[in-house]
Amino acid sequence: MTDPMIAVGDRIVDFTLEDLGGRRIETRRFYLRRGLVLVFLHEWPCADCLVYLRRISSLADEIARARSQLLAIVPLGRTLAVHWPGEEPPPFPLLLTEGEELHRRSGLLDRAGRPVAAVIVTDDTGTVWEIWRTGDQHDLPDQLDLLETVEYVSYQCPECWDRQRWP
């Protein structure tokens, strides 16, 4: 049985996961400080998901300037190793989750109960403003759509605006 799908206006499921270096990352620690860009992978390794992560890696600094944090969630068992191909690790945390439990709690499973890839953009309260779900087609937002959404969400709180940026 899957949980209901997360929708725009819902709060994300709070979670604590470890990154590749063993550091614990808690979504609650970002609340009232940063919005979140959660990239849920459906499996590891997946060549298309890896290409997508590499493409959005170039946005990490711009997402940070928009007071948001990019996090990638990788569903796998503890016995599997994750290797980030290339010389440098990604400029954002790759969070490891055992199996599909977090996907299930977020309503991100297909009809057969397998995790699906998704990108979720939240504000600094954990409220979902945009969600892109995909099946096997890997139809996730392009870099420009993702960045525009993150910037739009970040400027919805007038008391938080970077007044130096706007005339």
N, C-alpha and C. Protein backbone atom coordinates (compact mmCIF):
# COMPACT_ATOMS: atom_id res chain seq x y z
N MET A 1 0.84 -1.18 0.00
CA MET A 1 0.00 0.00 0.00
C MET A 1 0.89 1.25 0.00
N THR A 2 0.61 2.17 -0.89
CA THR A 2 1.38 3.40 -0.94
C THR A 2 0.65 4.50 -0.20
N ASP A 3 1.41 5.44 0.32
CA ASP A 3 0.83 6.60 0.96
C ASP A 3 0.32 7.54 -0.12
N PRO A 4 -0.57 8.47 0.23
CA PRO A 4 -1.06 9.41 -0.76
C PRO A 4 0.10 10.22 -1.36
N MET A 5 -0.06 10.58 -2.63
CA MET A 5 0.98 11.37 -3.29
C MET A 5 1.05 12.76 -2.69
N ILE A 6 2.26 13.23 -2.50
CA ILE A 6 2.46 14.59 -2.03
C ILE A 6 2.01 15.53 -3.15
N ALA A 7 1.45 16.66 -2.77
CA ALA A 7 0.91 17.61 -3.74
C ALA A 7 1.35 19.03 -3.38
N VAL A 8 1.21 19.93 -4.34
CA VAL A 8 1.49 21.34 -4.09
C VAL A 8 0.62 21.80 -2.92
N GLY A 9 1.24 22.50 -1.97
CA GLY A 9 0.54 22.97 -0.78
C GLY A 9 0.74 22.08 0.43
N ASP A 10 1.16 20.82 0.21
CA ASP A 10 1.45 19.90 1.32
C ASP A 10 2.81 20.22 1.92
N ARG A 11 3.01 19.77 3.14
CA ARG A 11 4.35 19.82 3.74
C ARG A 11 5.06 18.53 3.37
N ILE A 12 6.36 18.64 3.14
CA ILE A 12 7.13 17.43 2.85
C ILE A 12 7.23 16.58 4.11
N VAL A 13 7.51 15.33 3.91
CA VAL A 13 7.77 14.42 5.02
C VAL A 13 9.13 14.78 5.59
N ASP A 14 9.21 15.06 6.90
CA ASP A 14 10.51 15.32 7.52
C ASP A 14 11.33 14.04 7.52
N PHE A 15 12.63 14.18 7.27
CA PHE A 15 13.48 13.00 7.31
C PHE A 15 14.89 13.39 7.70
N THR A 16 15.62 12.39 8.18
CA THR A 16 17.05 12.51 8.51
C THR A 16 17.75 11.38 7.77
N LEU A 17 18.73 11.72 6.94
CA LEU A 17 19.48 10.73 6.18
C LEU A 17 20.96 11.06 6.25
N GLU A 18 21.78 10.08 5.95
CA GLU A 18 23.23 10.29 5.89
C GLU A 18 23.65 10.55 4.46
N ASP A 19 24.66 11.43 4.31
CA ASP A 19 25.23 11.65 2.99
C ASP A 19 26.37 10.66 2.76
N LEU A 20 27.06 10.79 1.65
CA LEU A 20 28.14 9.85 1.31
C LEU A 20 29.25 9.85 2.34
N GLY A 21 29.46 10.97 3.03
CA GLY A 21 30.51 11.06 4.04
C GLY A 21 30.07 10.64 5.43
N GLY A 22 28.81 10.19 5.57
CA GLY A 22 28.31 9.76 6.87
C GLY A 22 27.71 10.89 7.70
N ARG A 23 27.64 12.09 7.14
CA ARG A 23 27.06 13.24 7.86
C ARG A 23 25.54 13.14 7.82
N ARG A 24 24.91 13.37 8.98
CA ARG A 24 23.45 13.32 9.06
C ARG A 24 22.85 14.66 8.63
N ILE A 25 21.91 14.58 7.71
CA ILE A 25 21.23 15.76 7.19
C ILE A 25 19.76 15.65 7.59
N GLU A 26 19.25 16.68 8.28
CA GLU A 26 17.85 16.71 8.71
C GLU A 26 17.13 17.83 7.96
N THR A 27 16.01 17.51 7.35
CA THR A 27 15.27 18.55 6.63
C THR A 27 14.80 19.65 7.58
N ARG A 28 14.46 19.30 8.80
CA ARG A 28 13.97 20.30 9.77
C ARG A 28 14.98 21.41 10.03
N ARG A 29 16.24 21.11 9.92
CA ARG A 29 17.27 22.13 10.19
C ARG A 29 17.28 23.25 9.16
N PHE A 30 16.65 23.03 8.02
CA PHE A 30 16.60 24.05 6.97
C PHE A 30 15.40 24.98 7.13
N TYR A 31 14.38 24.54 7.90
CA TYR A 31 13.16 25.34 8.01
C TYR A 31 13.45 26.71 8.59
N LEU A 32 12.78 27.69 8.03
CA LEU A 32 12.90 29.11 8.36
C LEU A 32 14.27 29.67 8.00
N ARG A 33 15.07 28.90 7.28
CA ARG A 33 16.37 29.37 6.80
C ARG A 33 16.49 29.26 5.29
N ARG A 34 16.08 28.10 4.77
CA ARG A 34 16.25 27.81 3.34
C ARG A 34 15.09 26.97 2.83
N GLY A 35 14.77 27.19 1.57
CA GLY A 35 13.87 26.28 0.88
C GLY A 35 14.65 25.04 0.50
N LEU A 36 13.97 24.05 -0.02
CA LEU A 36 14.63 22.81 -0.41
C LEU A 36 14.30 22.46 -1.86
N VAL A 37 15.29 21.92 -2.54
CA VAL A 37 15.10 21.32 -3.85
C VAL A 37 15.48 19.86 -3.66
N LEU A 38 14.48 19.00 -3.61
CA LEU A 38 14.69 17.57 -3.37
C LEU A 38 14.63 16.82 -4.69
N VAL A 39 15.71 16.16 -5.03
CA VAL A 39 15.76 15.36 -6.25
C VAL A 39 15.73 13.90 -5.82
N PHE A 40 14.58 13.27 -6.01
CA PHE A 40 14.42 11.86 -5.67
C PHE A 40 14.82 11.03 -6.88
N LEU A 41 15.84 10.18 -6.73
CA LEU A 41 16.21 9.25 -7.79
C LEU A 41 15.37 7.99 -7.62
N HIS A 42 15.12 7.30 -8.71
CA HIS A 42 14.32 6.07 -8.61
C HIS A 42 15.18 4.85 -8.34
N GLU A 43 16.45 4.91 -8.70
CA GLU A 43 17.37 3.81 -8.43
C GLU A 43 18.79 4.30 -8.64
N TRP A 44 19.72 3.50 -8.15
CA TRP A 44 21.14 3.79 -8.34
C TRP A 44 21.82 2.50 -8.71
N PRO A 45 22.66 2.45 -9.70
CA PRO A 45 22.96 3.54 -10.61
C PRO A 45 21.95 3.59 -11.73
N CYS A 46 21.66 4.77 -12.20
CA CYS A 46 20.80 5.00 -13.36
C CYS A 46 21.50 6.07 -14.20
N ALA A 47 21.88 5.71 -15.39
CA ALA A 47 22.66 6.63 -16.24
C ALA A 47 21.91 7.94 -16.48
N ASP A 48 20.59 7.86 -16.74
CA ASP A 48 19.83 9.08 -17.01
C ASP A 48 19.73 9.97 -15.77
N CYS A 49 19.54 9.36 -14.61
CA CYS A 49 19.48 10.15 -13.36
C CYS A 49 20.84 10.80 -13.09
N LEU A 50 21.91 10.09 -13.35
CA LEU A 50 23.24 10.65 -13.15
C LEU A 50 23.49 11.84 -14.08
N VAL A 51 23.07 11.72 -15.32
CA VAL A 51 23.20 12.84 -16.27
C VAL A 51 22.42 14.04 -15.74
N TYR A 52 21.21 13.80 -15.23
CA TYR A 52 20.40 14.90 -14.70
C TYR A 52 21.10 15.56 -13.51
N LEU A 53 21.63 14.77 -12.60
CA LEU A 53 22.33 15.33 -11.44
C LEU A 53 23.53 16.16 -11.88
N ARG A 54 24.25 15.68 -12.86
CA ARG A 54 25.40 16.45 -13.36
C ARG A 54 24.94 17.78 -13.95
N ARG A 55 23.83 17.75 -14.71
CA ARG A 55 23.33 19.00 -15.30
C ARG A 55 22.94 20.00 -14.24
N ILE A 56 22.23 19.57 -13.21
CA ILE A 56 21.78 20.54 -12.20
C ILE A 56 22.88 20.88 -11.20
N SER A 57 23.97 20.12 -11.21
CA SER A 57 25.11 20.47 -10.34
C SER A 57 25.58 21.89 -10.61
N SER A 58 25.47 22.30 -11.86
CA SER A 58 25.92 23.64 -12.22
C SER A 58 25.04 24.73 -11.61
N LEU A 59 23.87 24.36 -11.10
CA LEU A 59 22.95 25.32 -10.49
C LEU A 59 23.14 25.47 -8.98
N ALA A 60 23.99 24.67 -8.38
CA ALA A 60 24.09 24.63 -6.91
C ALA A 60 24.33 26.01 -6.31
N ASP A 61 25.24 26.79 -6.88
CA ASP A 61 25.52 28.13 -6.34
C ASP A 61 24.33 29.07 -6.51
N GLU A 62 23.69 29.01 -7.66
CA GLU A 62 22.53 29.88 -7.89
C GLU A 62 21.36 29.49 -6.99
N ILE A 63 21.18 28.22 -6.77
CA ILE A 63 20.13 27.76 -5.86
C ILE A 63 20.43 28.24 -4.45
N ALA A 64 21.70 28.19 -4.05
CA ALA A 64 22.09 28.67 -2.72
C ALA A 64 21.85 30.18 -2.59
N ARG A 65 22.13 30.93 -3.66
CA ARG A 65 21.88 32.38 -3.63
C ARG A 65 20.39 32.68 -3.49
N ALA A 66 19.56 31.77 -3.93
CA ALA A 66 18.11 31.93 -3.80
C ALA A 66 17.61 31.36 -2.46
N ARG A 67 18.52 31.23 -1.51
CA ARG A 67 18.21 30.74 -0.16
C ARG A 67 17.52 29.37 -0.18
N SER A 68 18.06 28.47 -0.98
CA SER A 68 17.55 27.10 -1.05
C SER A 68 18.72 26.13 -1.03
N GLN A 69 18.41 24.89 -0.68
CA GLN A 69 19.42 23.84 -0.60
C GLN A 69 19.01 22.69 -1.50
N LEU A 70 19.92 22.25 -2.35
CA LEU A 70 19.71 21.11 -3.23
C LEU A 70 20.13 19.85 -2.50
N LEU A 71 19.23 18.85 -2.47
CA LEU A 71 19.52 17.56 -1.86
C LEU A 71 19.07 16.47 -2.83
N ALA A 72 19.91 15.45 -3.05
CA ALA A 72 19.53 14.31 -3.90
C ALA A 72 19.32 13.10 -3.00
N ILE A 73 18.21 12.40 -3.19
CA ILE A 73 17.87 11.24 -2.38
C ILE A 73 18.03 9.99 -3.23
N VAL A 74 18.91 9.09 -2.77
CA VAL A 74 19.25 7.87 -3.50
C VAL A 74 18.71 6.67 -2.73
N PRO A 75 17.72 5.93 -3.30
CA PRO A 75 17.19 4.76 -2.61
C PRO A 75 18.07 3.54 -2.86
N LEU A 76 18.63 3.01 -1.80
CA LEU A 76 19.42 1.79 -1.91
C LEU A 76 19.63 1.19 -0.55
N GLY A 77 20.06 -0.06 -0.53
CA GLY A 77 20.36 -0.71 0.73
C GLY A 77 21.74 -0.32 1.23
N ARG A 78 21.95 -0.44 2.51
CA ARG A 78 23.23 -0.07 3.11
C ARG A 78 24.39 -0.88 2.55
N THR A 79 24.11 -2.05 2.02
CA THR A 79 25.20 -2.88 1.52
C THR A 79 25.71 -2.41 0.16
N LEU A 80 24.94 -1.56 -0.52
CA LEU A 80 25.38 -1.06 -1.81
C LEU A 80 26.24 0.17 -1.63
N ALA A 81 27.22 0.31 -2.47
CA ALA A 81 28.09 1.49 -2.42
C ALA A 81 27.67 2.46 -3.51
N VAL A 82 27.75 3.72 -3.21
CA VAL A 82 27.48 4.74 -4.20
C VAL A 82 28.80 5.36 -4.60
N HIS A 83 29.06 5.35 -5.87
CA HIS A 83 30.27 5.97 -6.39
C HIS A 83 29.85 7.11 -7.31
N TRP A 84 30.32 8.32 -7.01
CA TRP A 84 30.04 9.46 -7.86
C TRP A 84 31.13 9.51 -8.90
N PRO A 85 30.80 9.22 -10.16
CA PRO A 85 31.82 9.21 -11.20
C PRO A 85 32.38 10.62 -11.44
N GLY A 86 33.65 10.70 -11.58
CA GLY A 86 34.29 11.99 -11.84
C GLY A 86 35.30 12.32 -10.78
N GLU A 87 35.97 13.45 -10.96
CA GLU A 87 37.04 13.82 -10.04
C GLU A 87 36.53 14.41 -8.74
N GLU A 88 35.49 15.22 -8.81
CA GLU A 88 35.01 15.90 -7.61
C GLU A 88 33.62 15.40 -7.26
N PRO A 89 33.31 15.33 -5.97
CA PRO A 89 31.95 14.95 -5.59
C PRO A 89 30.97 16.06 -5.97
N PRO A 90 29.68 15.77 -5.99
CA PRO A 90 28.71 16.81 -6.35
C PRO A 90 28.73 17.93 -5.32
N PRO A 91 28.34 19.15 -5.74
CA PRO A 91 28.35 20.29 -4.82
C PRO A 91 27.11 20.35 -3.93
N PHE A 92 26.47 19.21 -3.73
CA PHE A 92 25.29 19.11 -2.88
C PHE A 92 25.28 17.71 -2.27
N PRO A 93 24.58 17.53 -1.16
CA PRO A 93 24.57 16.21 -0.53
C PRO A 93 23.82 15.16 -1.34
N LEU A 94 24.41 13.99 -1.48
CA LEU A 94 23.73 12.79 -1.98
C LEU A 94 23.33 12.02 -0.73
N LEU A 95 22.04 11.94 -0.47
CA LEU A 95 21.54 11.30 0.75
C LEU A 95 21.11 9.88 0.45
N LEU A 96 21.51 8.98 1.32
CA LEU A 96 21.24 7.56 1.12
C LEU A 96 20.06 7.13 1.98
N THR A 97 19.11 6.47 1.36
CA THR A 97 17.96 5.95 2.09
C THR A 97 17.82 4.47 1.79
N GLU A 98 17.53 3.70 2.80
CA GLU A 98 17.41 2.26 2.61
C GLU A 98 16.09 1.93 1.92
N GLY A 99 16.20 1.30 0.77
CA GLY A 99 15.01 0.90 0.05
C GLY A 99 14.16 2.08 -0.39
N GLU A 100 12.85 1.83 -0.47
CA GLU A 100 11.96 2.86 -0.99
C GLU A 100 11.07 3.49 0.07
N GLU A 101 11.43 3.35 1.34
CA GLU A 101 10.57 3.85 2.42
C GLU A 101 10.26 5.34 2.30
N LEU A 102 11.25 6.19 2.07
CA LEU A 102 11.00 7.63 1.97
C LEU A 102 10.17 7.94 0.72
N HIS A 103 10.43 7.24 -0.36
CA HIS A 103 9.59 7.40 -1.55
C HIS A 103 8.14 7.03 -1.22
N ARG A 104 7.95 5.93 -0.51
CA ARG A 104 6.59 5.50 -0.15
C ARG A 104 5.91 6.55 0.71
N ARG A 105 6.62 7.05 1.74
CA ARG A 105 6.03 8.05 2.63
C ARG A 105 5.71 9.34 1.91
N SER A 106 6.39 9.59 0.78
CA SER A 106 6.16 10.80 -0.01
C SER A 106 5.20 10.55 -1.17
N GLY A 107 4.71 9.31 -1.29
CA GLY A 107 3.80 8.98 -2.39
C GLY A 107 4.47 8.94 -3.74
N LEU A 108 5.74 8.56 -3.76
CA LEU A 108 6.52 8.56 -5.00
C LEU A 108 6.86 7.14 -5.44
N LEU A 109 5.82 6.29 -5.52
CA LEU A 109 5.97 4.94 -6.02
C LEU A 109 5.07 4.76 -7.23
N ASP A 110 5.50 3.92 -8.18
CA ASP A 110 4.63 3.64 -9.31
C ASP A 110 3.61 2.58 -8.91
N ARG A 111 2.77 2.16 -9.83
CA ARG A 111 1.69 1.21 -9.52
C ARG A 111 2.23 -0.15 -9.07
N ALA A 112 3.47 -0.46 -9.47
CA ALA A 112 4.07 -1.73 -9.07
C ALA A 112 4.82 -1.60 -7.74
N GLY A 113 4.79 -0.42 -7.12
CA GLY A 113 5.45 -0.22 -5.83
C GLY A 113 6.93 0.13 -5.93
N ARG A 114 7.40 0.50 -7.13
CA ARG A 114 8.80 0.88 -7.31
C ARG A 114 8.94 2.40 -7.20
N PRO A 115 10.08 2.87 -6.66
CA PRO A 115 10.30 4.32 -6.57
C PRO A 115 10.31 4.98 -7.95
N VAL A 116 9.77 6.20 -8.01
CA VAL A 116 9.85 7.00 -9.22
C VAL A 116 10.74 8.20 -8.96
N ALA A 117 11.33 8.73 -10.01
CA ALA A 117 12.14 9.94 -9.88
C ALA A 117 11.19 11.14 -9.78
N ALA A 118 11.63 12.14 -9.02
CA ALA A 118 10.83 13.35 -8.86
C ALA A 118 11.73 14.49 -8.41
N VAL A 119 11.29 15.70 -8.67
CA VAL A 119 11.93 16.90 -8.14
C VAL A 119 10.85 17.69 -7.42
N ILE A 120 11.14 18.05 -6.17
CA ILE A 120 10.19 18.81 -5.35
C ILE A 120 10.87 20.09 -4.89
N VAL A 121 10.19 21.21 -5.07
CA VAL A 121 10.70 22.51 -4.61
C VAL A 121 9.80 22.98 -3.48
N THR A 122 10.42 23.31 -2.33
CA THR A 122 9.66 23.79 -1.18
C THR A 122 10.13 25.19 -0.79
N ASP A 123 9.30 25.84 -0.01
CA ASP A 123 9.74 27.10 0.60
C ASP A 123 10.45 26.78 1.90
N ASP A 124 10.76 27.80 2.68
CA ASP A 124 11.54 27.58 3.90
C ASP A 124 10.71 27.03 5.06
N THR A 125 9.44 26.71 4.82
CA THR A 125 8.63 26.04 5.84
C THR A 125 8.41 24.57 5.49
N GLY A 126 8.97 24.13 4.36
CA GLY A 126 8.79 22.75 3.92
C GLY A 126 7.51 22.54 3.13
N THR A 127 6.86 23.63 2.74
CA THR A 127 5.64 23.54 1.94
C THR A 127 5.99 23.40 0.46
N VAL A 128 5.37 22.44 -0.20
CA VAL A 128 5.66 22.16 -1.61
C VAL A 128 5.03 23.24 -2.48
N TRP A 129 5.86 23.83 -3.35
CA TRP A 129 5.40 24.82 -4.32
C TRP A 129 5.34 24.22 -5.72
N GLU A 130 6.19 23.25 -5.99
CA GLU A 130 6.21 22.63 -7.31
C GLU A 130 6.72 21.21 -7.17
N ILE A 131 6.16 20.32 -8.00
CA ILE A 131 6.62 18.93 -8.01
C ILE A 131 6.55 18.41 -9.44
N TRP A 132 7.64 17.77 -9.83
CA TRP A 132 7.71 17.10 -11.12
C TRP A 132 7.92 15.62 -10.83
N ARG A 133 7.02 14.78 -11.27
CA ARG A 133 7.16 13.32 -11.14
C ARG A 133 7.44 12.75 -12.51
N THR A 134 8.16 11.65 -12.54
CA THR A 134 8.47 11.03 -13.82
C THR A 134 8.35 9.52 -13.70
N GLY A 135 8.13 8.91 -14.80
CA GLY A 135 8.19 7.46 -14.86
C GLY A 135 9.55 7.05 -15.37
N ASP A 136 9.56 6.15 -16.28
CA ASP A 136 10.83 5.70 -16.86
C ASP A 136 11.38 6.68 -17.89
N GLN A 137 10.61 7.71 -18.23
CA GLN A 137 11.05 8.63 -19.27
C GLN A 137 12.05 9.67 -18.77
N HIS A 138 12.21 9.81 -17.48
CA HIS A 138 13.13 10.79 -16.90
C HIS A 138 12.79 12.21 -17.36
N ASP A 139 11.51 12.51 -17.38
CA ASP A 139 11.02 13.81 -17.83
C ASP A 139 11.02 14.78 -16.65
N LEU A 140 12.23 15.22 -16.26
CA LEU A 140 12.39 16.14 -15.13
C LEU A 140 12.62 17.54 -15.66
N PRO A 141 12.44 18.56 -14.83
CA PRO A 141 12.55 19.93 -15.33
C PRO A 141 13.96 20.25 -15.81
N ASP A 142 14.01 21.07 -16.86
CA ASP A 142 15.33 21.49 -17.33
C ASP A 142 15.90 22.52 -16.35
N GLN A 143 17.15 22.86 -16.54
CA GLN A 143 17.85 23.75 -15.61
C GLN A 143 17.16 25.09 -15.45
N LEU A 144 16.72 25.69 -16.54
CA LEU A 144 16.11 27.00 -16.49
C LEU A 144 14.78 26.97 -15.74
N ASP A 145 13.93 25.97 -16.04
CA ASP A 145 12.65 25.85 -15.34
C ASP A 145 12.86 25.66 -13.84
N LEU A 146 13.81 24.81 -13.49
CA LEU A 146 14.08 24.55 -12.08
C LEU A 146 14.56 25.81 -11.38
N LEU A 147 15.53 26.50 -11.96
CA LEU A 147 16.08 27.69 -11.33
C LEU A 147 15.02 28.80 -11.23
N GLU A 148 14.23 28.99 -12.26
CA GLU A 148 13.17 30.01 -12.20
C GLU A 148 12.17 29.71 -11.10
N THR A 149 11.83 28.45 -10.92
CA THR A 149 10.90 28.07 -9.87
C THR A 149 11.50 28.33 -8.49
N VAL A 150 12.75 27.95 -8.30
CA VAL A 150 13.42 28.17 -7.01
C VAL A 150 13.49 29.66 -6.69
N GLU A 151 13.86 30.46 -7.67
CA GLU A 151 13.94 31.91 -7.45
C GLU A 151 12.57 32.51 -7.16
N TYR A 152 11.56 32.07 -7.88
CA TYR A 152 10.20 32.56 -7.64
C TYR A 152 9.76 32.27 -6.20
N VAL A 153 9.96 31.03 -5.79
CA VAL A 153 9.56 30.63 -4.43
C VAL A 153 10.34 31.43 -3.39
N SER A 154 11.62 31.67 -3.63
CA SER A 154 12.43 32.36 -2.63
C SER A 154 12.01 33.81 -2.43
N TYR A 155 11.36 34.42 -3.43
CA TYR A 155 10.95 35.81 -3.31
C TYR A 155 9.48 35.98 -2.98
N GLN A 156 8.85 34.96 -2.46
CA GLN A 156 7.46 35.06 -2.06
C GLN A 156 7.31 35.56 -0.63
N CYS A 157 8.40 35.70 0.08
CA CYS A 157 8.38 36.17 1.46
C CYS A 157 9.00 37.57 1.49
N PRO A 158 8.19 38.65 1.48
CA PRO A 158 8.75 40.00 1.36
C PRO A 158 9.76 40.36 2.44
N GLU A 159 9.57 39.89 3.65
CA GLU A 159 10.54 40.25 4.69
C GLU A 159 11.87 39.53 4.52
N CYS A 160 11.92 38.56 3.61
CA CYS A 160 13.16 37.81 3.37
C CYS A 160 13.90 38.29 2.13
N TRP A 161 13.32 39.20 1.37
CA TRP A 161 13.94 39.61 0.11
C TRP A 161 15.31 40.18 0.29
N ASP A 162 16.15 39.93 -0.68
CA ASP A 162 17.47 40.55 -0.76
C ASP A 162 17.27 41.91 -1.39
N ARG A 163 17.15 42.93 -0.58
CA ARG A 163 16.80 44.26 -1.06
C ARG A 163 17.90 44.86 -1.94
N GLN A 164 19.14 44.35 -1.86
CA GLN A 164 20.23 44.83 -2.71
C GLN A 164 20.00 44.40 -4.17
N ARG A 165 19.25 43.32 -4.34
CA ARG A 165 19.08 42.75 -5.67
C ARG A 165 18.04 43.49 -6.51
N TRP A 166 17.05 44.08 -5.86
CA TRP A 166 15.96 44.73 -6.58
C TRP A 166 16.01 46.24 -6.37
N PRO A 167 15.77 47.03 -7.44
CA PRO A 167 15.81 48.49 -7.30
C PRO A 167 14.66 49.03 -6.48
